[in-house]
C-alpha atoms as a PDB file:
ATOM      1  CA  MET A   1      56.494  53.542 -57.955  1.00  0.00           C
ATOM      2  CA  ILE A   2      58.251  52.064 -54.965  1.00  0.00           C
ATOM      3  CA  GLU A   3      56.208  54.043 -52.468  1.00  0.00           C
ATOM      4  CA  SER A   4      52.979  52.968 -54.184  1.00  0.00           C
ATOM      5  CA  HIS A   5      53.948  49.316 -53.974  1.00  0.00           C
ATOM      6  CA  VAL A   6      54.614  49.576 -50.245  1.00  0.00           C
ATOM      7  CA  LEU A   7      51.228  51.126 -49.597  1.00  0.00           C
ATOM      8  CA  ILE A   8      49.421  48.383 -51.455  1.00  0.00           C
ATOM      9  CA  ASP A   9      51.272  45.668 -49.493  1.00  0.00           C
ATOM     10  CA  SER A  10      50.396  47.335 -46.184  1.00  0.00           C
ATOM     11  CA  LYS A  11      46.731  47.403 -47.090  1.00  0.00           C
ATOM     12  CA  ASN A  12      46.731  43.685 -48.008  1.00  0.00           C
ATOM     13  CA  ARG A  13      48.287  42.690 -44.688  1.00  0.00           C
ATOM     14  CA  SER A  14      45.683  44.635 -42.651  1.00  0.00           C
ATOM     15  CA  LYS A  15      42.855  42.473 -44.037  1.00  0.00           C
ATOM     16  CA  GLY A  16      43.983  39.221 -42.206  1.00  0.00           C
ATOM     17  CA  LEU A  17      45.004  37.927 -38.750  1.00  0.00           C
ATOM     18  CA  THR A  18      48.399  36.895 -37.671  1.00  0.00           C
ATOM     19  CA  LEU A  19      49.071  33.405 -36.348  1.00  0.00           C
ATOM     20  CA  VAL A  20      49.561  34.798 -32.871  1.00  0.00           C
ATOM     21  CA  GLU A  21      46.196  36.562 -33.009  1.00  0.00           C
ATOM     22  CA  LEU A  22      44.478  33.351 -34.136  1.00  0.00           C
ATOM     23  CA  LEU A  23      46.039  31.394 -31.303  1.00  0.00           C
ATOM     24  CA  ILE A  24      44.905  33.987 -28.773  1.00  0.00           C
ATOM     25  CA  ILE A  25      41.344  33.889 -30.115  1.00  0.00           C
ATOM     26  CA  MET A  26      41.314  30.087 -30.025  1.00  0.00           C
ATOM     27  CA  VAL A  27      42.478  30.063 -26.411  1.00  0.00           C
ATOM     28  CA  ILE A  28      39.823  32.584 -25.422  1.00  0.00           C
ATOM     29  CA  MET A  29      37.092  30.626 -27.259  1.00  0.00           C
ATOM     30  CA  SER A  30      38.270  27.399 -25.610  1.00  0.00           C
ATOM     31  CA  LEU A  31      38.009  28.985 -22.183  1.00  0.00           C
ATOM     32  CA  ILE A  32      34.540  30.322 -22.944  1.00  0.00           C
ATOM     33  CA  MET A  33      33.343  26.980 -24.331  1.00  0.00           C
ATOM     34  CA  GLY A  34      34.861  25.108 -21.392  1.00  0.00           C
ATOM     35  CA  GLY A  35      33.035  27.382 -18.981  1.00  0.00           C
ATOM     36  CA  LEU A  36      29.759  26.960 -20.845  1.00  0.00           C
ATOM     37  CA  ILE A  37      30.149  23.177 -20.878  1.00  0.00           C
ATOM     38  CA  ALA A  38      30.919  23.130 -17.149  1.00  0.00           C
ATOM     39  CA  VAL A  39      27.836  25.260 -16.444  1.00  0.00           C
ATOM     40  CA  PHE A  40      25.737  23.015 -18.682  1.00  0.00           C
ATOM     41  CA  ILE A  41      26.949  19.825 -16.972  1.00  0.00           C
ATOM     42  CA  SER A  42      26.375  21.374 -13.549  1.00  0.00           C
ATOM     43  CA  HIS A  43      22.856  22.381 -14.595  1.00  0.00           C
ATOM     44  CA  ILE A  44      22.128  18.838 -15.808  1.00  0.00           C
ATOM     45  CA  ARG A  45      23.318  17.373 -12.501  1.00  0.00           C
ATOM     46  CA  ILE A  46      21.260  19.831 -10.470  1.00  0.00           C
ATOM     47  CA  SER A  47      18.202  19.144 -12.615  1.00  0.00           C
ATOM     48  CA  ALA A  48      18.649  15.364 -12.272  1.00  0.00           C
ATOM     49  CA  ALA A  49      19.028  15.649  -8.496  1.00  0.00           C
ATOM     50  CA  GLU A  50      15.998  17.931  -8.208  1.00  0.00           C
ATOM     51  CA  GLU A  51      13.921  15.598 -10.380  1.00  0.00           C
ATOM     52  CA  ALA A  52      15.002  12.654  -8.222  1.00  0.00           C
ATOM     53  CA  ARG A  53      13.948  14.510  -5.049  1.00  0.00           C
ATOM     54  CA  ILE A  54      10.546  15.281  -6.547  1.00  0.00           C
ATOM     55  CA  ASP A  55      10.119  11.616  -7.516  1.00  0.00           C
ATOM     56  CA  VAL A  56      10.964  10.493  -3.974  1.00  0.00           C
ATOM     57  CA  GLN A  57       8.566  13.021  -2.443  1.00  0.00           C
ATOM     58  CA  GLN A  58       5.710  11.963  -4.723  1.00  0.00           C
ATOM     59  CA  ASN A  59       6.384   8.279  -4.080  1.00  0.00           C
ATOM     60  CA  LEU A  60       6.448   8.825  -0.317  1.00  0.00           C
ATOM     61  CA  ARG A  61       3.206  10.785  -0.486  1.00  0.00           C
ATOM     62  CA  ILE A  62       1.543   7.872  -2.288  1.00  0.00           C
ATOM     63  CA  ALA A  63       2.906   5.369   0.241  1.00  0.00           C
ATOM     64  CA  VAL A  64       1.778   7.399   3.262  1.00  0.00           C
ATOM     65  CA  ASP A  65      -1.694   8.123   1.850  1.00  0.00           C
ATOM     66  CA  ARG A  66      -2.349   4.485   0.938  1.00  0.00           C
ATOM     67  CA  MET A  67      -1.118   3.244   4.294  1.00  0.00           C
ATOM     68  CA  LYS A  68      -3.384   5.722   6.075  1.00  0.00           C
ATOM     69  CA  ASP A  69      -6.396   4.631   4.014  1.00  0.00           C
ATOM     70  CA  SER A  70      -5.738   0.951   4.757  1.00  0.00           C
ATOM     71  CA  LEU A  71      -4.840   1.228   8.440  1.00  0.00           C
ATOM     72  CA  ARG A  72      -7.840   3.436   9.128  1.00  0.00           C
ATOM     73  CA  GLN A  73     -10.075   0.428   8.318  1.00  0.00           C
ATOM     74  CA  SER A  74      -8.403  -1.834  10.900  1.00  0.00           C
ATOM     75  CA  GLY A  75     -10.924  -3.646  13.066  1.00  0.00           C
ATOM     76  CA  PHE A  76     -13.865  -3.254  10.688  1.00  0.00           C
ATOM     77  CA  GLY A  77     -15.945  -6.426  10.893  1.00  0.00           C
ATOM     78  CA  CYS A  78     -13.748  -8.168  13.442  1.00  0.00           C
ATOM     79  CA  HIS A  79     -12.834  -6.074  16.510  1.00  0.00           C
ATOM     80  CA  ASP A  80     -15.748  -7.197  18.698  1.00  0.00           C
ATOM     81  CA  SER A  81     -15.248 -10.866  17.836  1.00  0.00           C
ATOM     82  CA  PHE A  82     -11.611 -10.674  18.905  1.00  0.00           C
ATOM     83  CA  GLU A  83     -12.767  -9.025  22.130  1.00  0.00           C
ATOM     84  CA  ASP A  84     -14.744 -12.227  22.740  1.00  0.00           C
ATOM     85  CA  ASP A  85     -11.558 -14.291  22.267  1.00  0.00           C
ATOM     86  CA  LYS A  86     -12.458 -15.628  18.837  1.00  0.00           C
ATOM     87  CA  ILE A  87      -9.533 -16.687  16.647  1.00  0.00           C
ATOM     88  CA  MET A  88      -9.030 -16.694  12.886  1.00  0.00           C
ATOM     89  CA  SER A  89      -6.817 -19.470  11.547  1.00  0.00           C
ATOM     90  CA  GLY A  90      -5.465 -20.226   8.106  1.00  0.00           C
ATOM     91  CA  GLU A  91      -2.481 -20.287   5.791  1.00  0.00           C
ATOM     92  CA  GLU A  92      -0.514 -17.142   5.181  1.00  0.00           C
ATOM     93  CA  PRO A  93       0.553 -17.134   1.506  1.00  0.00           C
ATOM     94  CA  GLN A  94       4.080 -18.536   1.092  1.00  0.00           C
ATOM     95  CA  LYS A  95       4.205 -19.359   4.799  1.00  0.00           C
ATOM     96  CA  ASN A  96       2.802 -21.778   7.375  1.00  0.00           C
ATOM     97  CA  ASN A  97      -0.472 -21.703   9.273  1.00  0.00           C
ATOM     98  CA  ILE A  98      -1.068 -18.641  11.396  1.00  0.00           C
ATOM     99  CA  ASP A  99      -3.518 -17.746  14.155  1.00  0.00           C
ATOM    100  CA  ILE A 100      -4.942 -14.230  14.380  1.00  0.00           C
ATOM    101  CA  SER A 101      -6.351 -13.335  17.788  1.00  0.00           C
ATOM    102  CA  SER A 102      -6.488  -9.520  17.592  1.00  0.00           C
ATOM    103  CA  PHE A 103      -7.271  -6.979  14.910  1.00  0.00           C
ATOM    104  CA  ILE A 104      -3.637  -5.804  15.084  1.00  0.00           C
ATOM    105  CA  SER A 105      -1.180  -8.654  15.489  1.00  0.00           C
ATOM    106  CA  HIS A 106       2.520  -9.459  15.138  1.00  0.00           C
ATOM    107  CA  ALA A 107       3.130  -5.762  15.755  1.00  0.00           C
ATOM    108  CA  SER A 108       6.770  -4.719  15.884  1.00  0.00           C
ATOM    109  CA  SER A 109       8.768  -1.641  14.976  1.00  0.00           C
ATOM    110  CA  ASP A 110       9.099  -2.600  11.300  1.00  0.00           C
ATOM    111  CA  SER A 111       6.099  -4.781  10.371  1.00  0.00           C
ATOM    112  CA  MET A 112       2.573  -5.651  11.402  1.00  0.00           C
ATOM    113  CA  ILE A 113      -0.603  -7.517  10.474  1.00  0.00           C
ATOM    114  CA  PHE A 114      -3.983  -5.796  10.543  1.00  0.00           C
ATOM    115  CA  THR A 115      -7.377  -7.380   9.903  1.00  0.00           C
ATOM    116  CA  TYR A 116     -10.539  -5.885   8.430  1.00  0.00           C
ATOM    117  CA  GLY A 117     -13.399  -6.495   6.012  1.00  0.00           C
ATOM    118  CA  PHE A 118     -11.450  -5.508   2.945  1.00  0.00           C
ATOM    119  CA  ARG A 119     -13.895  -6.293   0.147  1.00  0.00           C
ATOM    120  CA  LYS A 120     -17.636  -6.526  -0.411  1.00  0.00           C
ATOM    121  CA  VAL A 121     -18.425  -9.970  -1.825  1.00  0.00           C
ATOM    122  CA  GLY A 122     -22.215  -9.676  -2.112  1.00  0.00           C
ATOM    123  CA  GLU A 123     -25.453  -8.768  -0.380  1.00  0.00           C
ATOM    124  CA  VAL A 124     -28.020 -10.774   1.581  1.00  0.00           C
ATOM    125  CA  ASN A 125     -30.907 -11.805  -0.687  1.00  0.00           C
ATOM    126  CA  TRP A 126     -33.913 -11.490   1.634  1.00  0.00           C
ATOM    127  CA  ASN A 127     -36.442 -12.129  -1.146  1.00  0.00           C
ATOM    128  CA  GLU A 128     -35.032 -15.618  -1.573  1.00  0.00           C
ATOM    129  CA  LEU A 129     -34.536 -16.181   2.138  1.00  0.00           C
ATOM    130  CA  GLU A 130     -38.139 -15.476   3.079  1.00  0.00           C
ATOM    131  CA  LYS A 131     -39.285 -18.178   0.697  1.00  0.00           C
ATOM    132  CA  ILE A 132     -37.715 -20.705   3.067  1.00  0.00           C
ATOM    133  CA  ASP A 133     -39.871 -21.595   6.043  1.00  0.00           C
ATOM    134  CA  PRO A 134     -38.339 -21.689   8.529  1.00  0.00           C
ATOM    135  CA  VAL A 135     -35.095 -19.940   7.639  1.00  0.00           C
ATOM    136  CA  PRO A 136     -32.213 -22.085   8.952  1.00  0.00           C
ATOM    137  CA  ASP A 137     -30.058 -20.632  11.702  1.00  0.00           C
ATOM    138  CA  ASN A 138     -26.800 -18.972  10.669  1.00  0.00           C
ATOM    139  CA  PHE A 139     -27.783 -19.109   7.009  1.00  0.00           C
ATOM    140  CA  ILE A 140     -27.862 -16.541   4.202  1.00  0.00           C
ATOM    141  CA  ILE A 141     -28.350 -16.444   0.448  1.00  0.00           C
ATOM    142  CA  LEU A 142     -26.148 -14.055  -1.507  1.00  0.00           C
ATOM    143  CA  LYS A 143     -26.974 -11.848  -4.446  1.00  0.00           C
ATOM    144  CA  ASN A 144     -24.650  -9.746  -6.585  1.00  0.00           C
ATOM    145  CA  LYS A 145     -21.886 -12.165  -5.682  1.00  0.00           C
ATOM    146  CA  ARG A 146     -18.322 -11.000  -6.318  1.00  0.00           C
ATOM    147  CA  THR A 147     -14.794 -12.318  -6.106  1.00  0.00           C
ATOM    148  CA  PRO A 148     -12.807 -13.500  -4.246  1.00  0.00           C
ATOM    149  CA  SER A 149     -14.652 -16.790  -3.958  1.00  0.00           C
ATOM    150  CA  ILE A 150     -15.781 -17.817  -0.482  1.00  0.00           C
ATOM    151  CA  THR A 151     -14.277 -21.134   0.615  1.00  0.00           C
ATOM    152  CA  THR A 152     -14.237 -23.405   3.658  1.00  0.00           C
ATOM    153  CA  GLY A 153     -10.619 -24.560   3.327  1.00  0.00           C
ATOM    154  CA  SER A 154      -7.527 -23.433   5.155  1.00  0.00           C
ATOM    155  CA  GLU A 155      -7.319 -20.198   3.161  1.00  0.00           C
ATOM    156  CA  PHE A 156      -8.472 -16.937   4.727  1.00  0.00           C
ATOM    157  CA  LYS A 157     -11.600 -16.837   2.576  1.00  0.00           C
ATOM    158  CA  ARG A 158     -14.083 -18.234   5.057  1.00  0.00           C
ATOM    159  CA  TYR A 159     -14.558 -15.278   7.394  1.00  0.00           C
ATOM    160  CA  LEU A 160     -17.378 -12.869   6.595  1.00  0.00           C
ATOM    161  CA  THR A 161     -18.999  -9.867   8.241  1.00  0.00           C
ATOM    162  CA  LEU A 162     -22.402  -8.304   7.607  1.00  0.00           C
ATOM    163  CA  PHE A 163     -22.810  -4.528   7.556  1.00  0.00           C
ATOM    164  CA  PRO A 164     -24.784  -2.725   8.812  1.00  0.00           C
ATOM    165  CA  SER A 165     -25.524  -5.023  11.706  1.00  0.00           C
ATOM    166  CA  THR A 166     -26.544  -4.662  15.344  1.00  0.00           C
ATOM    167  CA  ALA A 167     -24.221  -7.596  16.028  1.00  0.00           C
ATOM    168  CA  GLY A 168     -21.314  -5.130  15.955  1.00  0.00           C
ATOM    169  CA  ASN A 169     -17.887  -5.512  14.393  1.00  0.00           C
ATOM    170  CA  ARG A 170     -18.042  -9.288  14.228  1.00  0.00           C
ATOM    171  CA  PHE A 171     -16.945 -11.923  11.762  1.00  0.00           C
ATOM    172  CA  PHE A 172     -18.645 -15.272  11.157  1.00  0.00           C
ATOM    173  CA  GLU A 173     -16.882 -18.419  10.010  1.00  0.00           C
ATOM    174  CA  VAL A 174     -18.314 -20.186   6.959  1.00  0.00           C
ATOM    175  CA  GLU A 175     -19.101 -23.845   7.499  1.00  0.00           C
ATOM    176  CA  GLU A 176     -20.588 -24.709   4.113  1.00  0.00           C
ATOM    177  CA  VAL A 177     -20.904 -23.086   0.682  1.00  0.00           C
ATOM    178  CA  SER A 178     -23.343 -24.228  -1.998  1.00  0.00           C
ATOM    179  CA  GLY A 179     -23.648 -21.774  -4.850  1.00  0.00           C
ATOM    180  CA  ASN A 180     -25.082 -18.600  -3.325  1.00  0.00           C
ATOM    181  CA  GLU A 181     -26.098 -20.342  -0.108  1.00  0.00           C
ATOM    182  CA  ILE A 182     -23.826 -19.789   2.887  1.00  0.00           C
ATOM    183  CA  THR A 183     -24.082 -21.642   6.212  1.00  0.00           C
ATOM    184  CA  PHE A 184     -22.012 -20.324   9.113  1.00  0.00           C
ATOM    185  CA  VAL A 185     -20.629 -22.100  12.139  1.00  0.00           C
ATOM    186  CA  HIS A 186     -23.198 -21.572  14.903  1.00  0.00           C
ATOM    187  CA  ASP A 187     -22.805 -18.146  16.523  1.00  0.00           C
ATOM    188  CA  GLU A 188     -25.368 -16.568  18.847  1.00  0.00           C
ATOM    189  CA  ALA A 189     -24.340 -13.080  17.721  1.00  0.00           C
ATOM    190  CA  PHE A 190     -25.718 -13.899  14.273  1.00  0.00           C
ATOM    191  CA  ASP A 191     -29.259 -13.759  15.695  1.00  0.00           C
ATOM    192  CA  ALA A 192     -28.915  -9.997  16.237  1.00  0.00           C
ATOM    193  CA  ILE A 193     -28.656  -9.330  12.504  1.00  0.00           C
ATOM    194  CA  GLU A 194     -31.777  -8.117  10.703  1.00  0.00           C
ATOM    195  CA  LEU A 195     -31.452  -9.991   7.429  1.00  0.00           C
ATOM    196  CA  GLU A 196     -34.618  -8.489   5.944  1.00  0.00           C
ATOM    197  CA  LYS A 197     -32.691  -5.225   5.542  1.00  0.00           C
ATOM    198  CA  GLU A 198     -30.318  -7.077   3.219  1.00  0.00           C
ATOM    199  CA  PRO A 199     -26.964  -6.055   4.740  1.00  0.00           C
ATOM    200  CA  ASP A 200     -23.793  -6.061   2.655  1.00  0.00           C
ATOM    201  CA  VAL A 201     -21.433  -9.012   3.053  1.00  0.00           C
ATOM    202  CA  TYR A 202     -17.679  -8.377   3.356  1.00  0.00           C
ATOM    203  CA  MET A 203     -14.790 -10.833   3.403  1.00  0.00           C
ATOM    204  CA  VAL A 204     -12.587 -10.341   6.462  1.00  0.00           C
ATOM    205  CA  SER A 205      -8.891 -11.112   6.074  1.00  0.00           C
ATOM    206  CA  PRO A 206      -5.546 -10.357   7.732  1.00  0.00           C
ATOM    207  CA  ILE A 207      -3.160  -8.174   5.736  1.00  0.00           C
ATOM    208  CA  ARG A 208       0.564  -7.894   6.373  1.00  0.00           C
ATOM    209  CA  ILE A 209       2.412  -4.646   5.669  1.00  0.00           C
ATOM    210  CA  MET A 210       5.888  -5.552   4.498  1.00  0.00           C
ATOM    211  CA  VAL A 211       8.920  -4.392   2.544  1.00  0.00           C
ATOM    212  CA  SER A 212      10.312  -6.966   0.140  1.00  0.00           C
ATOM    213  CA  TYR A 213      12.483  -6.924  -2.969  1.00  0.00           C
ATOM    214  CA  SER A 214      11.452  -7.336  -6.587  1.00  0.00           C
ATOM    215  CA  GLY A 215      14.836  -7.878  -8.197  1.00  0.00           C
ATOM    216  CA  ASP A 216      16.949  -4.978  -6.956  1.00  0.00           C
ATOM    217  CA  ILE A 217      13.967  -2.762  -6.155  1.00  0.00           C
ATOM    218  CA  PRO A 218      12.631  -2.533  -2.572  1.00  0.00           C
ATOM    219  CA  VAL A 219       8.821  -2.592  -2.671  1.00  0.00           C
ATOM    220  CA  LEU A 220       6.221  -1.786  -0.019  1.00  0.00           C
ATOM    221  CA  TYR A 221       3.477  -4.440  -0.193  1.00  0.00           C
ATOM    222  CA  LEU A 222       0.140  -5.098   1.386  1.00  0.00           C
ATOM    223  CA  LYS A 223       0.097  -8.887   1.571  1.00  0.00           C
ATOM    224  CA  ASN A 224      -3.563  -9.911   1.708  1.00  0.00           C
ATOM    225  CA  PHE A 225      -3.913 -13.434   3.117  1.00  0.00           C
ATOM    226  CA  ALA A 226      -7.019 -14.061   1.006  1.00  0.00           C
ATOM    227  CA  TYR A 227      -4.938 -13.932  -2.170  1.00  0.00           C
ATOM    228  CA  THR A 228      -1.954 -15.793  -3.573  1.00  0.00           C
ATOM    229  CA  SER A 229       1.503 -14.263  -3.632  1.00  0.00           C
ATOM    230  CA  ALA A 230       1.017 -13.226  -7.269  1.00  0.00           C
ATOM    231  CA  GLN A 231      -1.733 -10.860  -6.167  1.00  0.00           C
ATOM    232  CA  PHE A 232       0.061  -8.945  -3.432  1.00  0.00           C
ATOM    233  CA  TRP A 233      -0.878  -5.287  -3.559  1.00  0.00           C
ATOM    234  CA  ILE A 234       2.014  -2.988  -4.419  1.00  0.00           C
ATOM    235  CA  VAL A 235       1.729   0.192  -2.372  1.00  0.00           C
ATOM    236  CA  ALA A 236       4.851   1.897  -3.722  1.00  0.00           C
ATOM    237  CA  GLU A 237       8.235   0.954  -5.156  1.00  0.00           C
ATOM    238  CA  ASN A 238      11.637   2.100  -3.912  1.00  0.00           C
ATOM    239  CA  ILE A 239      10.517   2.108  -0.288  1.00  0.00           C
ATOM    240  CA  LYS A 240      13.572   1.042   1.669  1.00  0.00           C
ATOM    241  CA  LYS A 241      12.149   0.670   5.171  1.00  0.00           C
ATOM    242  CA  ILE A 242       9.133   1.317   7.422  1.00  0.00           C
ATOM    243  CA  TRP A 243       8.812   1.796  11.186  1.00  0.00           C
ATOM    244  CA  PHE A 244       5.738   1.685  13.403  1.00  0.00           C
ATOM    245  CA  GLN A 245       4.672   2.914  16.827  1.00  0.00           C
ATOM    246  CA  TYR A 246       1.445   1.945  18.598  1.00  0.00           C
ATOM    247  CA  TYR A 247      -0.656   4.072  20.922  1.00  0.00           C
ATOM    248  CA  VAL A 248      -1.920   1.979  23.856  1.00  0.00           C
ATOM    249  CA  ASP A 249      -3.421   3.331  27.077  1.00  0.00           C
ATOM    250  CA  GLY A 250      -2.005   6.807  26.569  1.00  0.00           C
ATOM    251  CA  GLU A 251       1.510   5.648  25.661  1.00  0.00           C
ATOM    252  CA  TRP A 252       3.377   5.157  22.385  1.00  0.00           C
ATOM    253  CA  LEU A 253       5.044   1.722  22.180  1.00  0.00           C
ATOM    254  CA  ASN A 254       7.588   0.470  19.645  1.00  0.00           C
ATOM    255  CA  GLU A 255       6.484  -3.157  19.917  1.00  0.00           C
ATOM    256  CA  VAL A 256       3.381  -4.846  21.335  1.00  0.00           C
ATOM    257  CA  ASN A 257       3.322  -8.582  21.968  1.00  0.00           C
ATOM    258  CA  ASP A 258       0.519  -9.070  24.487  1.00  0.00           C
ATOM    259  CA  THR A 259      -2.862  -9.930  22.911  1.00  0.00           C
ATOM    260  CA  ASP A 260      -4.813  -7.796  25.367  1.00  0.00           C
ATOM    261  CA  LEU A 261      -2.643  -4.784  24.607  1.00  0.00           C
ATOM    262  CA  LEU A 262      -2.914  -5.390  20.858  1.00  0.00           C
ATOM    263  CA  GLN A 263      -6.694  -5.113  21.169  1.00  0.00           C
ATOM    264  CA  LYS A 264      -6.251  -1.755  22.905  1.00  0.00           C
ATOM    265  CA  ILE A 265      -4.257  -0.089  20.120  1.00  0.00           C
ATOM    266  CA  ARG A 266      -6.077   3.099  19.173  1.00  0.00           C
ATOM    267  CA  LYS A 267      -3.577   4.903  16.957  1.00  0.00           C
ATOM    268  CA  ILE A 268      -0.680   3.929  14.715  1.00  0.00           C
ATOM    269  CA  ARG A 269       2.225   6.211  13.872  1.00  0.00           C
ATOM    270  CA  PHE A 270       4.581   5.244  11.074  1.00  0.00           C
ATOM    271  CA  TRP A 271       7.626   6.444   9.158  1.00  0.00           C
ATOM    272  CA  VAL A 272       8.494   5.557   5.573  1.00  0.00           C
ATOM    273  CA  LEU A 273      12.006   5.736   4.100  1.00  0.00           C
ATOM    274  CA  GLY A 274      12.082   6.128   0.322  1.00  0.00           C
ATOM    275  CA  ARG A 275      14.855   6.381  -2.214  1.00  0.00           C
ATOM    276  CA  SER A 276      15.166   7.757  -5.748  1.00  0.00           C
ATOM    277  CA  ILE A 277      14.412   5.462  -8.683  1.00  0.00           C
ATOM    278  CA  ASN A 278      17.824   6.053 -10.261  1.00  0.00           C
ATOM    279  CA  SER A 279      21.203   6.846  -8.795  1.00  0.00           C
ATOM    280  CA  VAL A 280      22.300  10.469  -9.035  1.00  0.00           C
ATOM    281  CA  SER A 281      25.827  11.825  -9.352  1.00  0.00           C
ATOM    282  CA  GLY A 282      26.953  13.404  -6.109  1.00  0.00           C
ATOM    283  CA  ALA A 283      23.951  12.173  -4.117  1.00  0.00           C
ATOM    284  CA  GLY A 284      26.034  12.076  -0.956  1.00  0.00           C
ATOM    285  CA  GLU A 285      25.673  10.044   2.225  1.00  0.00           C
ATOM    286  CA  TYR A 286      22.455   9.799   4.228  1.00  0.00           C
ATOM    287  CA  ASN A 287      21.881   9.001   7.888  1.00  0.00           C
ATOM    288  CA  PHE A 288      18.467   9.113   9.538  1.00  0.00           C
ATOM    289  CA  GLU A 289      17.370   9.281  13.150  1.00  0.00           C
ATOM    290  CA  ILE A 290      13.826   9.103  14.492  1.00  0.00           C
ATOM    291  CA  LYS A 291      13.406  10.670  17.920  1.00  0.00           C
ATOM    292  CA  ASP A 292      10.622  10.200  20.411  1.00  0.00           C
ATOM    293  CA  GLN A 293       8.449  13.299  20.251  1.00  0.00           C
ATOM    294  CA  ASP A 294       8.235  13.519  24.039  1.00  0.00           C
ATOM    295  CA  THR A 295      11.663  12.454  25.307  1.00  0.00           C
ATOM    296  CA  GLU A 296      13.809  13.284  22.233  1.00  0.00           C
ATOM    297  CA  GLU A 297      15.334   9.825  22.651  1.00  0.00           C
ATOM    298  CA  ILE A 298      16.541   8.190  19.424  1.00  0.00           C
ATOM    299  CA  ILE A 299      14.222   5.246  18.797  1.00  0.00           C
ATOM    300  CA  TYR A 300      15.145   4.232  15.223  1.00  0.00           C
ATOM    301  CA  GLN A 301      18.206   4.765  13.058  1.00  0.00           C
ATOM    302  CA  ALA A 302      18.872   4.097   9.394  1.00  0.00           C
ATOM    303  CA  GLY A 303      22.039   4.414   7.366  1.00  0.00           C
ATOM    304  CA  PRO A 304      24.553   5.318   6.371  1.00  0.00           C
ATOM    305  CA  PHE A 305      23.367   5.094   2.756  1.00  0.00           C
ATOM    306  CA  ASN A 306      25.967   5.928   0.128  1.00  0.00           C
ATOM    307  CA  ASP A 307      24.785   4.040  -2.953  1.00  0.00           C
ATOM    308  CA  GLY A 308      24.179   7.016  -5.222  1.00  0.00           C
ATOM    309  CA  HIS A 309      20.448   7.251  -4.483  1.00  0.00           C
ATOM    310  CA  ILE A 310      18.689  10.178  -2.831  1.00  0.00           C
ATOM    311  CA  TYR A 311      16.843   9.212   0.394  1.00  0.00           C
ATOM    312  CA  MET A 312      13.973  10.903   2.199  1.00  0.00           C
ATOM    313  CA  PHE A 313      11.674  10.294   5.178  1.00  0.00           C
ATOM    314  CA  SER A 314       7.947  10.818   5.515  1.00  0.00           C
ATOM    315  CA  GLN A 315       5.623  10.304   8.491  1.00  0.00           C
ATOM    316  CA  GLY A 316       1.965   9.445   8.965  1.00  0.00           C
ATOM    317  CA  GLU A 317      -0.420   8.884  11.847  1.00  0.00           C
ATOM    318  CA  VAL A 318      -3.928   7.460  11.895  1.00  0.00           C
ATOM    319  CA  ALA A 319      -6.649   6.858  14.468  1.00  0.00           C
ATOM    320  CA  LEU A 320      -8.275   3.423  14.218  1.00  0.00           C
ATOM    321  CA  ARG A 321     -11.914   4.440  14.051  1.00  0.00           C
ATOM    322  CA  ASN A 322     -13.372   0.922  14.264  1.00  0.00           C
ATOM    323  CA  THR A 323     -11.990   0.366  17.763  1.00  0.00           C
ATOM    324  CA  PHE A 324     -13.890   3.045  19.690  1.00  0.00           C
END
């Protein structure tokens, strides 16, 4: 009977775990779970950083493409007039009066103003014009009129170009507006336009490329002088800085101040510095250098940036087709 009792007790004990065994299992499970959690957290950080890099790349691509599209139009409807020493004058939104004497102006390493016929505002209505005998000089009647409204005030809404036109890339200053009837300040070049072919009418305005802040977010704007500040065109957000170079007479220049040289700009090269929308853990520190492609000399520097954002550069170059 005693031996039987001992056997039964031994069998009962073999069905459970000792306290020591439980502790060992718990330690092993803790190590496994800790490792899994560390891998999971590391994966989340890598994914967040990779997503941030993709966001920056996409944003930079948008900024570069839009800048190329805009800059490529520089000089349309105005280059030849500036060659003849004509000047556009008016109020820059949120600033004082400004004179524009070249299709590229106020050109520096980090900002510039370019001028072109940015928007079609109507077409010449020849059917109505030919009813007038004789047709007044420097006079048109519009059809299919569009915004922005043409004015004769100090705003940059009084300079128009007609395309196509044998007069060339020229703008004409509006002297009087009465409904659809437009009278220009006398200009002999206007006589070269064949109005019976009903050319399109474009508003010509200066546009400033600039980086400004909206709250804590750096934004790349196209500041069209024909609009109010509330209507500035946002190119891309989280653009920290831009740099420009200008190709004049076979040489790339960082800044151009002479009016004659500004009229000779044929290409524009630019760099755009973007940052991630959100900060990322372990983003690191960023320093950037832009070197001259011929001399390898450092021409621009940016940084160090250590604010938790990921930073990237992108470059673009465009030939100004309206200047040749």
